[in-house]
Amino acid sequence: MEIGESTELSPMVLLVDIEDEGRAAHAAYLQTAGFGVTTAADPDAAMTRATDLRPSVIVAGLTLDGRIDGFRFIRAVSEDADTRDTPLVILSGGPIEGLPRGAQEHAAAVLVKPVSPDALGREIHRVLGASQELRERSTRLTTKAQSLRERSNFLLARTEARQDRQDDRRRNCPDCGGLLEWLERGAIGGVEYDYYRWCANACGLYCYDRGSKRFVKLA
């Protein structure tokens, strides 16, 4: 059976391996362990299923005899927007040290064949748990970053509003052009005025009629 039954809560495992016997044994065990399982024997079919089904984890069995270009599949998984965040478990047919650096960097785990089904199941559980923790941490960081951005935007808006208020009352003496020192804002008969201290150059005491936009000399 190529695709096992699964519920919405069952993690889906994409199992890619050219070796029919090992693929079948692992698939049967993972299905009994509660995983949904889909399998493929070549990179092209595997990539199609990876993008169509969006599995929770990809298990790629690699042989080193040239029969399957597993490294090409791993590179494709890591570069595709739909699959690059999917945890990848590599089942290597040779020593881990013999894998290309790129394959090791993209893998969440590397196991050397032969791998017993129960050992694979335990590793998948571990990888999925680590992936979930990373997603939750990423969500927390994203939420915190969003909160910091909103706080920053609020403070910036408040600063700009404060600056706007200050600019709104900055005026120069109509006689000498010197900057007047703002005192307060008040209203008389429904007309708003800005009141200023005596001009530093002794030109006089002024208020500003905000409605008619003109100075009124008080003394």
N, C-alpha and C. Protein backbone atom coordinates (compact mmCIF):
# COMPACT_ATOMS: atom_id res chain seq x y z
N MET A 1 0.86 -1.19 0.00
CA MET A 1 0.00 0.00 0.00
C MET A 1 0.89 1.23 0.00
N GLU A 2 0.72 2.10 -0.98
CA GLU A 2 1.59 3.25 -1.13
C GLU A 2 1.26 4.37 -0.16
N ILE A 3 -0.02 4.58 0.11
CA ILE A 3 -0.42 5.67 1.00
C ILE A 3 -1.26 5.09 2.12
N GLY A 4 -0.81 5.25 3.36
CA GLY A 4 -1.55 4.73 4.48
C GLY A 4 -2.65 5.66 4.92
N GLU A 5 -3.65 5.10 5.59
CA GLU A 5 -4.73 5.94 6.08
C GLU A 5 -4.20 6.80 7.22
N SER A 6 -4.75 8.02 7.33
CA SER A 6 -4.32 8.91 8.39
C SER A 6 -5.47 9.81 8.77
N THR A 7 -5.43 10.31 10.00
CA THR A 7 -6.39 11.31 10.43
C THR A 7 -5.74 12.66 10.33
N GLU A 8 -6.53 13.72 10.59
CA GLU A 8 -5.99 15.07 10.50
C GLU A 8 -4.86 15.28 11.50
N LEU A 9 -4.91 14.50 12.63
CA LEU A 9 -3.91 14.67 13.66
C LEU A 9 -2.70 13.77 13.46
N SER A 10 -2.74 12.86 12.49
CA SER A 10 -1.63 11.95 12.25
C SER A 10 -0.55 12.63 11.43
N PRO A 11 0.70 12.67 11.92
CA PRO A 11 1.78 13.23 11.11
C PRO A 11 1.96 12.40 9.84
N MET A 12 2.17 13.07 8.73
CA MET A 12 2.39 12.38 7.46
C MET A 12 3.88 12.24 7.20
N VAL A 13 4.31 11.01 6.91
CA VAL A 13 5.72 10.73 6.61
C VAL A 13 5.84 10.39 5.13
N LEU A 14 6.73 11.09 4.43
CA LEU A 14 7.08 10.72 3.06
C LEU A 14 8.34 9.88 3.14
N LEU A 15 8.24 8.63 2.72
CA LEU A 15 9.35 7.67 2.79
C LEU A 15 9.88 7.42 1.39
N VAL A 16 11.12 7.84 1.15
CA VAL A 16 11.73 7.73 -0.18
C VAL A 16 12.90 6.76 -0.10
N ASP A 17 12.81 5.66 -0.84
CA ASP A 17 13.90 4.69 -0.81
C ASP A 17 13.76 3.76 -2.01
N ILE A 18 14.87 3.52 -2.71
CA ILE A 18 14.84 2.62 -3.87
C ILE A 18 14.74 1.16 -3.45
N GLU A 19 15.14 0.86 -2.22
CA GLU A 19 15.14 -0.52 -1.74
C GLU A 19 13.73 -0.91 -1.31
N ASP A 20 13.08 -1.75 -2.11
CA ASP A 20 11.67 -2.09 -1.89
C ASP A 20 11.43 -2.73 -0.53
N GLU A 21 12.30 -3.67 -0.15
CA GLU A 21 12.08 -4.41 1.10
C GLU A 21 12.15 -3.47 2.30
N GLY A 22 13.19 -2.66 2.36
CA GLY A 22 13.33 -1.74 3.49
C GLY A 22 12.22 -0.71 3.52
N ARG A 23 11.85 -0.19 2.34
CA ARG A 23 10.77 0.80 2.26
C ARG A 23 9.46 0.21 2.76
N ALA A 24 9.16 -1.02 2.37
CA ALA A 24 7.91 -1.65 2.77
C ALA A 24 7.89 -1.92 4.28
N ALA A 25 9.02 -2.37 4.82
CA ALA A 25 9.08 -2.68 6.25
C ALA A 25 8.90 -1.41 7.08
N HIS A 26 9.59 -0.34 6.69
CA HIS A 26 9.47 0.92 7.42
C HIS A 26 8.07 1.49 7.30
N ALA A 27 7.48 1.41 6.12
CA ALA A 27 6.15 1.95 5.90
C ALA A 27 5.12 1.20 6.76
N ALA A 28 5.24 -0.13 6.79
CA ALA A 28 4.28 -0.92 7.57
C ALA A 28 4.39 -0.60 9.06
N TYR A 29 5.62 -0.47 9.55
CA TYR A 29 5.80 -0.17 10.98
C TYR A 29 5.25 1.22 11.31
N LEU A 30 5.58 2.21 10.48
CA LEU A 30 5.15 3.58 10.77
C LEU A 30 3.63 3.70 10.74
N GLN A 31 2.98 2.95 9.85
CA GLN A 31 1.52 2.97 9.80
C GLN A 31 0.92 2.40 11.09
N THR A 32 1.49 1.30 11.57
CA THR A 32 0.98 0.72 12.82
C THR A 32 1.29 1.63 14.00
N ALA A 33 2.32 2.48 13.88
CA ALA A 33 2.69 3.41 14.96
C ALA A 33 1.83 4.67 14.93
N GLY A 34 0.91 4.76 13.98
CA GLY A 34 -0.01 5.89 13.96
C GLY A 34 0.32 6.99 12.98
N PHE A 35 1.34 6.79 12.15
CA PHE A 35 1.69 7.79 11.15
C PHE A 35 0.91 7.55 9.86
N GLY A 36 0.63 8.63 9.15
CA GLY A 36 0.21 8.50 7.77
C GLY A 36 1.48 8.34 6.94
N VAL A 37 1.48 7.46 5.97
CA VAL A 37 2.70 7.17 5.21
C VAL A 37 2.42 7.21 3.72
N THR A 38 3.28 7.90 3.00
CA THR A 38 3.27 7.84 1.54
C THR A 38 4.70 7.53 1.11
N THR A 39 4.87 6.75 0.06
CA THR A 39 6.20 6.29 -0.32
C THR A 39 6.50 6.63 -1.78
N ALA A 40 7.78 6.62 -2.08
CA ALA A 40 8.24 6.84 -3.46
C ALA A 40 9.59 6.16 -3.62
N ALA A 41 9.89 5.73 -4.85
CA ALA A 41 11.13 5.02 -5.10
C ALA A 41 12.13 5.83 -5.92
N ASP A 42 11.73 7.01 -6.39
CA ASP A 42 12.67 7.83 -7.16
C ASP A 42 12.46 9.30 -6.82
N PRO A 43 13.47 10.13 -7.05
CA PRO A 43 13.43 11.54 -6.64
C PRO A 43 12.30 12.34 -7.27
N ASP A 44 12.01 12.11 -8.55
CA ASP A 44 10.98 12.90 -9.21
C ASP A 44 9.60 12.64 -8.62
N ALA A 45 9.26 11.36 -8.43
CA ALA A 45 7.97 11.03 -7.81
C ALA A 45 7.92 11.54 -6.38
N ALA A 46 9.06 11.44 -5.68
CA ALA A 46 9.12 11.89 -4.29
C ALA A 46 8.89 13.39 -4.19
N MET A 47 9.48 14.15 -5.11
CA MET A 47 9.33 15.61 -5.07
C MET A 47 7.89 16.00 -5.36
N THR A 48 7.26 15.28 -6.28
CA THR A 48 5.86 15.56 -6.59
C THR A 48 4.99 15.32 -5.36
N ARG A 49 5.23 14.22 -4.67
CA ARG A 49 4.43 13.93 -3.48
C ARG A 49 4.74 14.91 -2.34
N ALA A 50 5.98 15.34 -2.25
CA ALA A 50 6.35 16.28 -1.20
C ALA A 50 5.62 17.61 -1.36
N THR A 51 5.54 18.10 -2.59
CA THR A 51 4.87 19.38 -2.83
C THR A 51 3.36 19.25 -2.81
N ASP A 52 2.84 18.09 -3.21
CA ASP A 52 1.38 17.90 -3.23
C ASP A 52 0.81 17.63 -1.84
N LEU A 53 1.51 16.79 -1.06
CA LEU A 53 0.97 16.32 0.21
C LEU A 53 1.47 17.10 1.42
N ARG A 54 2.56 17.84 1.28
CA ARG A 54 3.15 18.61 2.39
C ARG A 54 3.32 17.72 3.64
N PRO A 55 4.16 16.70 3.58
CA PRO A 55 4.32 15.80 4.72
C PRO A 55 4.91 16.51 5.94
N SER A 56 4.71 15.91 7.11
CA SER A 56 5.26 16.46 8.35
C SER A 56 6.76 16.22 8.42
N VAL A 57 7.23 15.14 7.83
CA VAL A 57 8.65 14.80 7.82
C VAL A 57 8.95 14.00 6.57
N ILE A 58 10.16 14.14 6.04
CA ILE A 58 10.59 13.37 4.87
C ILE A 58 11.74 12.46 5.30
N VAL A 59 11.61 11.17 5.00
CA VAL A 59 12.68 10.21 5.25
C VAL A 59 13.24 9.78 3.90
N ALA A 60 14.51 10.08 3.66
CA ALA A 60 15.13 9.77 2.37
C ALA A 60 16.24 8.75 2.57
N GLY A 61 16.05 7.54 2.00
CA GLY A 61 17.08 6.52 2.04
C GLY A 61 18.00 6.67 0.85
N LEU A 62 19.29 6.83 1.11
CA LEU A 62 20.25 7.07 0.02
C LEU A 62 21.15 5.86 -0.17
N THR A 63 21.29 5.42 -1.42
CA THR A 63 22.29 4.43 -1.74
C THR A 63 23.44 5.14 -2.40
N LEU A 64 24.60 4.49 -2.37
CA LEU A 64 25.80 5.13 -2.89
C LEU A 64 26.28 4.48 -4.18
N ASP A 65 25.40 3.69 -4.84
CA ASP A 65 25.82 2.99 -6.04
C ASP A 65 25.35 3.68 -7.32
N GLY A 66 24.80 4.86 -7.20
CA GLY A 66 24.40 5.62 -8.37
C GLY A 66 23.04 5.30 -8.90
N ARG A 67 22.31 4.39 -8.28
CA ARG A 67 20.99 4.02 -8.81
C ARG A 67 19.94 5.10 -8.54
N ILE A 68 20.17 5.92 -7.55
CA ILE A 68 19.21 6.97 -7.23
C ILE A 68 19.95 8.24 -6.85
N ASP A 69 19.58 9.33 -7.48
CA ASP A 69 20.24 10.60 -7.20
C ASP A 69 19.58 11.25 -5.99
N GLY A 70 19.83 10.66 -4.82
CA GLY A 70 19.23 11.16 -3.60
C GLY A 70 19.70 12.55 -3.23
N PHE A 71 20.94 12.86 -3.53
CA PHE A 71 21.46 14.18 -3.20
C PHE A 71 20.74 15.26 -4.00
N ARG A 72 20.39 14.95 -5.22
CA ARG A 72 19.62 15.90 -6.03
C ARG A 72 18.25 16.13 -5.41
N PHE A 73 17.65 15.06 -4.88
CA PHE A 73 16.36 15.18 -4.23
C PHE A 73 16.46 16.06 -2.97
N ILE A 74 17.50 15.83 -2.16
CA ILE A 74 17.69 16.63 -0.95
C ILE A 74 17.87 18.10 -1.30
N ARG A 75 18.63 18.37 -2.33
CA ARG A 75 18.85 19.76 -2.76
C ARG A 75 17.54 20.39 -3.22
N ALA A 76 16.75 19.60 -3.97
CA ALA A 76 15.45 20.11 -4.44
C ALA A 76 14.52 20.41 -3.27
N VAL A 77 14.50 19.52 -2.27
CA VAL A 77 13.66 19.74 -1.08
C VAL A 77 14.08 21.01 -0.36
N SER A 78 15.38 21.22 -0.21
CA SER A 78 15.87 22.37 0.54
C SER A 78 15.67 23.68 -0.19
N GLU A 79 15.51 23.63 -1.52
CA GLU A 79 15.37 24.86 -2.29
C GLU A 79 13.93 25.21 -2.62
N ASP A 80 13.02 24.26 -2.51
CA ASP A 80 11.62 24.52 -2.85
C ASP A 80 10.90 25.20 -1.68
N ALA A 81 10.17 26.27 -1.97
CA ALA A 81 9.49 27.03 -0.92
C ALA A 81 8.46 26.20 -0.17
N ASP A 82 7.89 25.18 -0.83
CA ASP A 82 6.85 24.36 -0.20
C ASP A 82 7.43 23.30 0.73
N THR A 83 8.71 22.99 0.59
CA THR A 83 9.27 21.86 1.35
C THR A 83 10.51 22.20 2.17
N ARG A 84 11.08 23.38 1.99
CA ARG A 84 12.37 23.64 2.63
C ARG A 84 12.32 23.67 4.16
N ASP A 85 11.13 23.88 4.72
CA ASP A 85 11.01 23.87 6.18
C ASP A 85 10.57 22.51 6.72
N THR A 86 10.42 21.52 5.85
CA THR A 86 10.02 20.18 6.28
C THR A 86 11.22 19.44 6.84
N PRO A 87 11.14 18.90 8.06
CA PRO A 87 12.27 18.15 8.62
C PRO A 87 12.64 16.97 7.72
N LEU A 88 13.95 16.74 7.58
CA LEU A 88 14.45 15.70 6.68
C LEU A 88 15.32 14.72 7.47
N VAL A 89 14.98 13.44 7.38
CA VAL A 89 15.78 12.38 7.99
C VAL A 89 16.42 11.58 6.87
N ILE A 90 17.74 11.47 6.90
CA ILE A 90 18.47 10.73 5.86
C ILE A 90 18.86 9.36 6.39
N LEU A 91 18.58 8.34 5.60
CA LEU A 91 19.05 7.00 5.87
C LEU A 91 20.20 6.73 4.92
N SER A 92 21.42 6.78 5.42
CA SER A 92 22.60 6.70 4.57
C SER A 92 23.08 5.27 4.39
N GLY A 93 23.46 4.95 3.14
CA GLY A 93 24.00 3.63 2.86
C GLY A 93 25.48 3.51 3.19
N GLY A 94 26.09 4.59 3.66
CA GLY A 94 27.51 4.58 4.01
C GLY A 94 27.74 5.47 5.22
N PRO A 95 28.99 5.63 5.62
CA PRO A 95 29.31 6.46 6.80
C PRO A 95 28.80 7.89 6.64
N ILE A 96 28.41 8.48 7.76
CA ILE A 96 27.91 9.86 7.74
C ILE A 96 28.96 10.79 7.17
N GLU A 97 30.23 10.51 7.48
CA GLU A 97 31.30 11.38 7.02
C GLU A 97 31.38 11.42 5.49
N GLY A 98 30.82 10.41 4.84
CA GLY A 98 30.89 10.36 3.38
C GLY A 98 29.82 11.17 2.69
N LEU A 99 28.86 11.67 3.44
CA LEU A 99 27.81 12.49 2.84
C LEU A 99 28.34 13.87 2.50
N PRO A 100 27.87 14.45 1.40
CA PRO A 100 28.25 15.83 1.09
C PRO A 100 27.82 16.77 2.22
N ARG A 101 28.58 17.83 2.41
CA ARG A 101 28.27 18.76 3.49
C ARG A 101 26.86 19.31 3.35
N GLY A 102 26.43 19.59 2.13
CA GLY A 102 25.09 20.14 1.92
C GLY A 102 24.01 19.21 2.43
N ALA A 103 24.20 17.89 2.23
CA ALA A 103 23.21 16.93 2.69
C ALA A 103 23.14 16.92 4.21
N GLN A 104 24.28 16.97 4.86
CA GLN A 104 24.30 16.98 6.32
C GLN A 104 23.68 18.25 6.88
N GLU A 105 23.92 19.38 6.22
CA GLU A 105 23.39 20.66 6.70
C GLU A 105 21.87 20.70 6.61
N HIS A 106 21.31 20.09 5.59
CA HIS A 106 19.86 20.15 5.39
C HIS A 106 19.12 19.10 6.20
N ALA A 107 19.82 18.11 6.73
CA ALA A 107 19.16 17.01 7.43
C ALA A 107 18.93 17.35 8.91
N ALA A 108 17.75 16.99 9.39
CA ALA A 108 17.49 17.11 10.83
C ALA A 108 18.12 15.93 11.56
N ALA A 109 18.33 14.83 10.85
CA ALA A 109 18.97 13.65 11.43
C ALA A 109 19.52 12.79 10.32
N VAL A 110 20.62 12.08 10.60
CA VAL A 110 21.20 11.13 9.65
C VAL A 110 21.40 9.81 10.38
N LEU A 111 20.83 8.74 9.83
CA LEU A 111 20.98 7.39 10.38
C LEU A 111 21.67 6.51 9.35
N VAL A 112 22.54 5.64 9.82
CA VAL A 112 23.28 4.76 8.91
C VAL A 112 22.56 3.42 8.81
N LYS A 113 22.29 2.99 7.58
CA LYS A 113 21.64 1.70 7.36
C LYS A 113 22.53 0.55 7.81
N PRO A 114 21.96 -0.58 8.25
CA PRO A 114 20.51 -0.83 8.36
C PRO A 114 19.92 -0.13 9.59
N VAL A 115 18.71 0.38 9.41
CA VAL A 115 18.00 1.08 10.48
C VAL A 115 16.73 0.29 10.79
N SER A 116 16.57 -0.13 12.02
CA SER A 116 15.37 -0.88 12.40
C SER A 116 14.16 0.04 12.36
N PRO A 117 12.99 -0.49 12.05
CA PRO A 117 11.79 0.34 11.99
C PRO A 117 11.50 1.10 13.28
N ASP A 118 11.69 0.42 14.44
CA ASP A 118 11.39 1.11 15.68
C ASP A 118 12.38 2.24 15.95
N ALA A 119 13.66 2.07 15.55
CA ALA A 119 14.65 3.13 15.71
C ALA A 119 14.28 4.33 14.83
N LEU A 120 13.81 4.03 13.62
CA LEU A 120 13.37 5.10 12.73
C LEU A 120 12.16 5.83 13.33
N GLY A 121 11.22 5.06 13.88
CA GLY A 121 10.03 5.67 14.49
C GLY A 121 10.41 6.61 15.63
N ARG A 122 11.35 6.17 16.49
CA ARG A 122 11.79 7.02 17.61
C ARG A 122 12.44 8.30 17.10
N GLU A 123 13.24 8.17 16.04
CA GLU A 123 13.93 9.36 15.51
C GLU A 123 12.93 10.32 14.88
N ILE A 124 11.93 9.80 14.22
CA ILE A 124 10.91 10.67 13.63
C ILE A 124 10.17 11.42 14.73
N HIS A 125 9.82 10.74 15.81
CA HIS A 125 9.15 11.40 16.93
C HIS A 125 10.04 12.52 17.49
N ARG A 126 11.34 12.22 17.62
CA ARG A 126 12.26 13.23 18.15
C ARG A 126 12.35 14.44 17.24
N VAL A 127 12.47 14.19 15.94
CA VAL A 127 12.59 15.27 14.96
C VAL A 127 11.33 16.12 14.93
N LEU A 128 10.18 15.45 14.95
CA LEU A 128 8.92 16.20 14.93
C LEU A 128 8.77 17.04 16.19
N GLY A 129 9.18 16.50 17.34
CA GLY A 129 9.12 17.27 18.58
C GLY A 129 10.01 18.49 18.52
N ALA A 130 11.24 18.31 17.99
CA ALA A 130 12.15 19.45 17.86
C ALA A 130 11.61 20.47 16.88
N SER A 131 11.01 19.99 15.79
CA SER A 131 10.44 20.90 14.79
C SER A 131 9.29 21.71 15.39
N GLN A 132 8.44 21.04 16.18
CA GLN A 132 7.32 21.73 16.82
C GLN A 132 7.84 22.79 17.79
N GLU A 133 8.89 22.46 18.53
CA GLU A 133 9.46 23.42 19.48
C GLU A 133 10.01 24.63 18.74
N LEU A 134 10.67 24.38 17.59
CA LEU A 134 11.20 25.49 16.81
C LEU A 134 10.08 26.37 16.26
N ARG A 135 8.98 25.73 15.81
CA ARG A 135 7.86 26.50 15.29
C ARG A 135 7.25 27.36 16.39
N GLU A 136 7.10 26.76 17.59
CA GLU A 136 6.53 27.52 18.69
C GLU A 136 7.45 28.67 19.10
N ARG A 137 8.76 28.41 19.10
CA ARG A 137 9.72 29.47 19.44
C ARG A 137 9.67 30.56 18.38
N SER A 138 9.58 30.16 17.11
CA SER A 138 9.50 31.14 16.04
C SER A 138 8.24 31.99 16.17
N THR A 139 7.12 31.31 16.56
CA THR A 139 5.86 32.05 16.74
C THR A 139 5.99 33.05 17.88
N ARG A 140 6.63 32.62 18.98
CA ARG A 140 6.81 33.53 20.11
C ARG A 140 7.68 34.72 19.72
N LEU A 141 8.76 34.44 18.97
CA LEU A 141 9.64 35.52 18.55
C LEU A 141 8.94 36.47 17.58
N THR A 142 8.14 35.89 16.69
CA THR A 142 7.39 36.72 15.74
C THR A 142 6.40 37.61 16.47
N THR A 143 5.70 37.01 17.46
CA THR A 143 4.74 37.79 18.24
C THR A 143 5.43 38.90 19.01
N LYS A 144 6.59 38.57 19.60
CA LYS A 144 7.33 39.58 20.35
C LYS A 144 7.83 40.69 19.43
N ALA A 145 8.33 40.30 18.25
CA ALA A 145 8.80 41.30 17.30
C ALA A 145 7.66 42.21 16.84
N GLN A 146 6.48 41.61 16.63
CA GLN A 146 5.32 42.40 16.23
C GLN A 146 4.93 43.38 17.34
N SER A 147 4.99 42.90 18.59
CA SER A 147 4.67 43.77 19.73
C SER A 147 5.66 44.92 19.83
N LEU A 148 6.95 44.61 19.61
CA LEU A 148 7.97 45.66 19.66
C LEU A 148 7.78 46.67 18.54
N ARG A 149 7.41 46.17 17.34
CA ARG A 149 7.16 47.09 16.23
C ARG A 149 5.97 48.00 16.53
N GLU A 150 4.91 47.41 17.10
CA GLU A 150 3.74 48.22 17.43
C GLU A 150 4.07 49.25 18.49
N ARG A 151 4.87 48.86 19.49
CA ARG A 151 5.29 49.79 20.54
C ARG A 151 6.15 50.90 19.95
N SER A 152 7.08 50.51 19.07
CA SER A 152 7.94 51.49 18.44
C SER A 152 7.13 52.48 17.60
N ASN A 153 6.16 51.94 16.84
CA ASN A 153 5.31 52.81 16.02
C ASN A 153 4.49 53.76 16.88
N PHE A 154 4.01 53.24 18.03
CA PHE A 154 3.23 54.09 18.95
C PHE A 154 4.09 55.22 19.50
N LEU A 155 5.31 54.88 19.94
CA LEU A 155 6.20 55.92 20.48
C LEU A 155 6.59 56.93 19.41
N LEU A 156 6.82 56.44 18.19
CA LEU A 156 7.17 57.34 17.09
C LEU A 156 6.01 58.28 16.79
N ALA A 157 4.79 57.72 16.76
CA ALA A 157 3.62 58.55 16.49
C ALA A 157 3.42 59.58 17.60
N ARG A 158 3.65 59.16 18.84
CA ARG A 158 3.48 60.09 19.95
C ARG A 158 4.53 61.20 19.89
N THR A 159 5.76 60.81 19.54
CA THR A 159 6.82 61.82 19.41
C THR A 159 6.52 62.80 18.29
N GLU A 160 6.03 62.25 17.16
CA GLU A 160 5.70 63.12 16.03
C GLU A 160 4.54 64.04 16.39
N ALA A 161 3.55 63.50 17.13
CA ALA A 161 2.42 64.35 17.53
C ALA A 161 2.87 65.45 18.47
N ARG A 162 3.79 65.08 19.38
CA ARG A 162 4.32 66.09 20.30
C ARG A 162 5.10 67.15 19.53
N GLN A 163 5.87 66.70 18.55
CA GLN A 163 6.63 67.65 17.75
C GLN A 163 5.69 68.55 16.94
N ASP A 164 4.61 67.94 16.44
CA ASP A 164 3.64 68.73 15.69
C ASP A 164 3.01 69.81 16.58
N ARG A 165 2.72 69.43 17.83
CA ARG A 165 2.14 70.42 18.74
C ARG A 165 3.12 71.54 19.03
N GLN A 166 4.39 71.15 19.19
CA GLN A 166 5.40 72.17 19.44
C GLN A 166 5.57 73.09 18.23
N ASP A 167 5.58 72.48 17.04
CA ASP A 167 5.72 73.29 15.82
C ASP A 167 4.51 74.19 15.63
N ASP A 168 3.33 73.69 16.07
CA ASP A 168 2.09 74.44 15.90
C ASP A 168 2.10 75.74 16.70
N ARG A 169 2.91 75.81 17.75
CA ARG A 169 2.92 77.03 18.59
C ARG A 169 4.21 77.82 18.47
N ARG A 170 5.14 77.36 17.65
CA ARG A 170 6.40 78.10 17.43
C ARG A 170 6.14 79.27 16.48
N ARG A 171 6.36 80.47 16.98
CA ARG A 171 6.16 81.66 16.15
C ARG A 171 7.24 82.69 16.46
N ASN A 172 7.42 83.55 15.49
CA ASN A 172 8.44 84.61 15.63
C ASN A 172 7.78 85.96 15.84
N CYS A 173 8.48 86.81 16.58
CA CYS A 173 7.98 88.16 16.85
C CYS A 173 7.70 88.88 15.53
N PRO A 174 6.51 89.50 15.40
CA PRO A 174 6.18 90.18 14.14
C PRO A 174 7.01 91.44 13.92
N ASP A 175 7.71 91.91 14.97
CA ASP A 175 8.52 93.12 14.81
C ASP A 175 9.98 92.81 14.52
N CYS A 176 10.60 91.98 15.39
CA CYS A 176 12.04 91.72 15.22
C CYS A 176 12.35 90.37 14.60
N GLY A 177 11.37 89.48 14.54
CA GLY A 177 11.59 88.17 13.96
C GLY A 177 12.19 87.16 14.92
N GLY A 178 12.43 87.57 16.17
CA GLY A 178 12.97 86.64 17.15
C GLY A 178 11.93 85.63 17.59
N LEU A 179 12.40 84.45 18.04
CA LEU A 179 11.50 83.39 18.45
C LEU A 179 10.83 83.78 19.77
N LEU A 180 9.49 83.72 19.78
CA LEU A 180 8.74 84.02 20.99
C LEU A 180 8.62 82.77 21.85
N GLU A 181 8.63 82.97 23.17
CA GLU A 181 8.50 81.86 24.11
C GLU A 181 7.02 81.62 24.41
N TRP A 182 6.53 80.45 24.00
CA TRP A 182 5.11 80.13 24.16
C TRP A 182 4.77 79.98 25.63
N LEU A 183 3.62 80.47 26.03
CA LEU A 183 3.20 80.42 27.42
C LEU A 183 2.04 79.46 27.63
N GLU A 184 0.94 79.67 26.91
CA GLU A 184 -0.23 78.82 27.06
C GLU A 184 -1.20 79.07 25.91
N ARG A 185 -2.22 78.22 25.85
CA ARG A 185 -3.28 78.39 24.86
C ARG A 185 -4.60 78.59 25.60
N GLY A 186 -5.37 79.58 25.16
CA GLY A 186 -6.64 79.86 25.81
C GLY A 186 -7.67 80.32 24.80
N ALA A 187 -8.91 80.52 25.27
CA ALA A 187 -9.99 80.94 24.38
C ALA A 187 -10.79 82.06 25.04
N ILE A 188 -11.13 83.04 24.23
CA ILE A 188 -11.97 84.15 24.67
C ILE A 188 -13.08 84.32 23.64
N GLY A 189 -14.33 84.20 24.10
CA GLY A 189 -15.45 84.35 23.17
C GLY A 189 -15.42 83.35 22.03
N GLY A 190 -14.92 82.16 22.30
CA GLY A 190 -14.87 81.12 21.28
C GLY A 190 -13.69 81.23 20.34
N VAL A 191 -12.84 82.23 20.54
CA VAL A 191 -11.65 82.43 19.69
C VAL A 191 -10.43 81.89 20.43
N GLU A 192 -9.65 81.02 19.79
CA GLU A 192 -8.46 80.44 20.41
C GLU A 192 -7.26 81.35 20.21
N TYR A 193 -6.49 81.51 21.30
CA TYR A 193 -5.28 82.32 21.24
C TYR A 193 -4.11 81.53 21.80
N ASP A 194 -2.94 81.76 21.21
CA ASP A 194 -1.68 81.33 21.80
C ASP A 194 -1.06 82.54 22.46
N TYR A 195 -0.69 82.42 23.73
CA TYR A 195 -0.11 83.53 24.47
C TYR A 195 1.39 83.32 24.62
N TYR A 196 2.14 84.42 24.50
CA TYR A 196 3.60 84.36 24.54
C TYR A 196 4.14 85.33 25.59
N ARG A 197 5.34 85.05 26.07
CA ARG A 197 6.00 85.96 27.01
C ARG A 197 6.50 87.19 26.24
N TRP A 198 6.92 88.16 27.00
CA TRP A 198 7.47 89.38 26.39
C TRP A 198 8.57 89.01 25.41
N CYS A 199 8.59 89.68 24.31
CA CYS A 199 9.66 89.47 23.33
C CYS A 199 11.00 89.76 24.00
N ALA A 200 11.96 88.88 23.77
CA ALA A 200 13.27 89.03 24.39
C ALA A 200 13.95 90.33 23.97
N ASN A 201 13.55 90.90 22.85
CA ASN A 201 14.13 92.16 22.38
C ASN A 201 13.26 93.36 22.77
N ALA A 202 12.34 93.13 23.72
CA ALA A 202 11.48 94.20 24.27
C ALA A 202 10.59 94.84 23.22
N CYS A 203 10.20 94.04 22.21
CA CYS A 203 9.29 94.59 21.19
C CYS A 203 7.86 94.72 21.73
N GLY A 204 7.50 93.87 22.70
CA GLY A 204 6.16 93.94 23.24
C GLY A 204 5.67 92.59 23.71
N LEU A 205 4.40 92.56 24.13
CA LEU A 205 3.74 91.34 24.60
C LEU A 205 2.66 90.99 23.59
N TYR A 206 2.69 89.74 23.12
CA TYR A 206 1.80 89.37 22.02
C TYR A 206 0.99 88.11 22.35
N CYS A 207 -0.15 88.03 21.69
CA CYS A 207 -0.87 86.76 21.60
C CYS A 207 -1.19 86.56 20.12
N TYR A 208 -1.54 85.32 19.78
CA TYR A 208 -1.77 85.00 18.37
C TYR A 208 -3.17 84.47 18.21
N ASP A 209 -3.96 85.13 17.35
CA ASP A 209 -5.32 84.71 17.05
C ASP A 209 -5.25 83.56 16.05
N ARG A 210 -5.58 82.34 16.52
CA ARG A 210 -5.43 81.17 15.67
C ARG A 210 -6.48 81.11 14.56
N GLY A 211 -7.60 81.77 14.78
CA GLY A 211 -8.65 81.77 13.77
C GLY A 211 -8.30 82.68 12.60
N SER A 212 -7.93 83.92 12.90
CA SER A 212 -7.60 84.88 11.84
C SER A 212 -6.13 84.83 11.43
N LYS A 213 -5.34 84.02 12.19
CA LYS A 213 -3.92 83.83 11.90
C LYS A 213 -3.18 85.18 11.89
N ARG A 214 -3.35 85.94 12.97
CA ARG A 214 -2.64 87.21 13.08
C ARG A 214 -2.29 87.46 14.55
N PHE A 215 -1.25 88.25 14.73
CA PHE A 215 -0.83 88.65 16.07
C PHE A 215 -1.68 89.78 16.60
N VAL A 216 -1.85 89.75 17.91
CA VAL A 216 -2.51 90.85 18.62
C VAL A 216 -1.54 91.34 19.67
N LYS A 217 -1.18 92.63 19.64
CA LYS A 217 -0.22 93.18 20.61
C LYS A 217 -0.98 93.58 21.86
N LEU A 218 -0.58 93.01 22.97
CA LEU A 218 -1.23 93.25 24.24
C LEU A 218 -0.57 94.40 25.00
N ALA A 219 0.69 94.60 24.83
CA ALA A 219 1.37 95.69 25.52
C ALA A 219 2.69 95.98 24.80
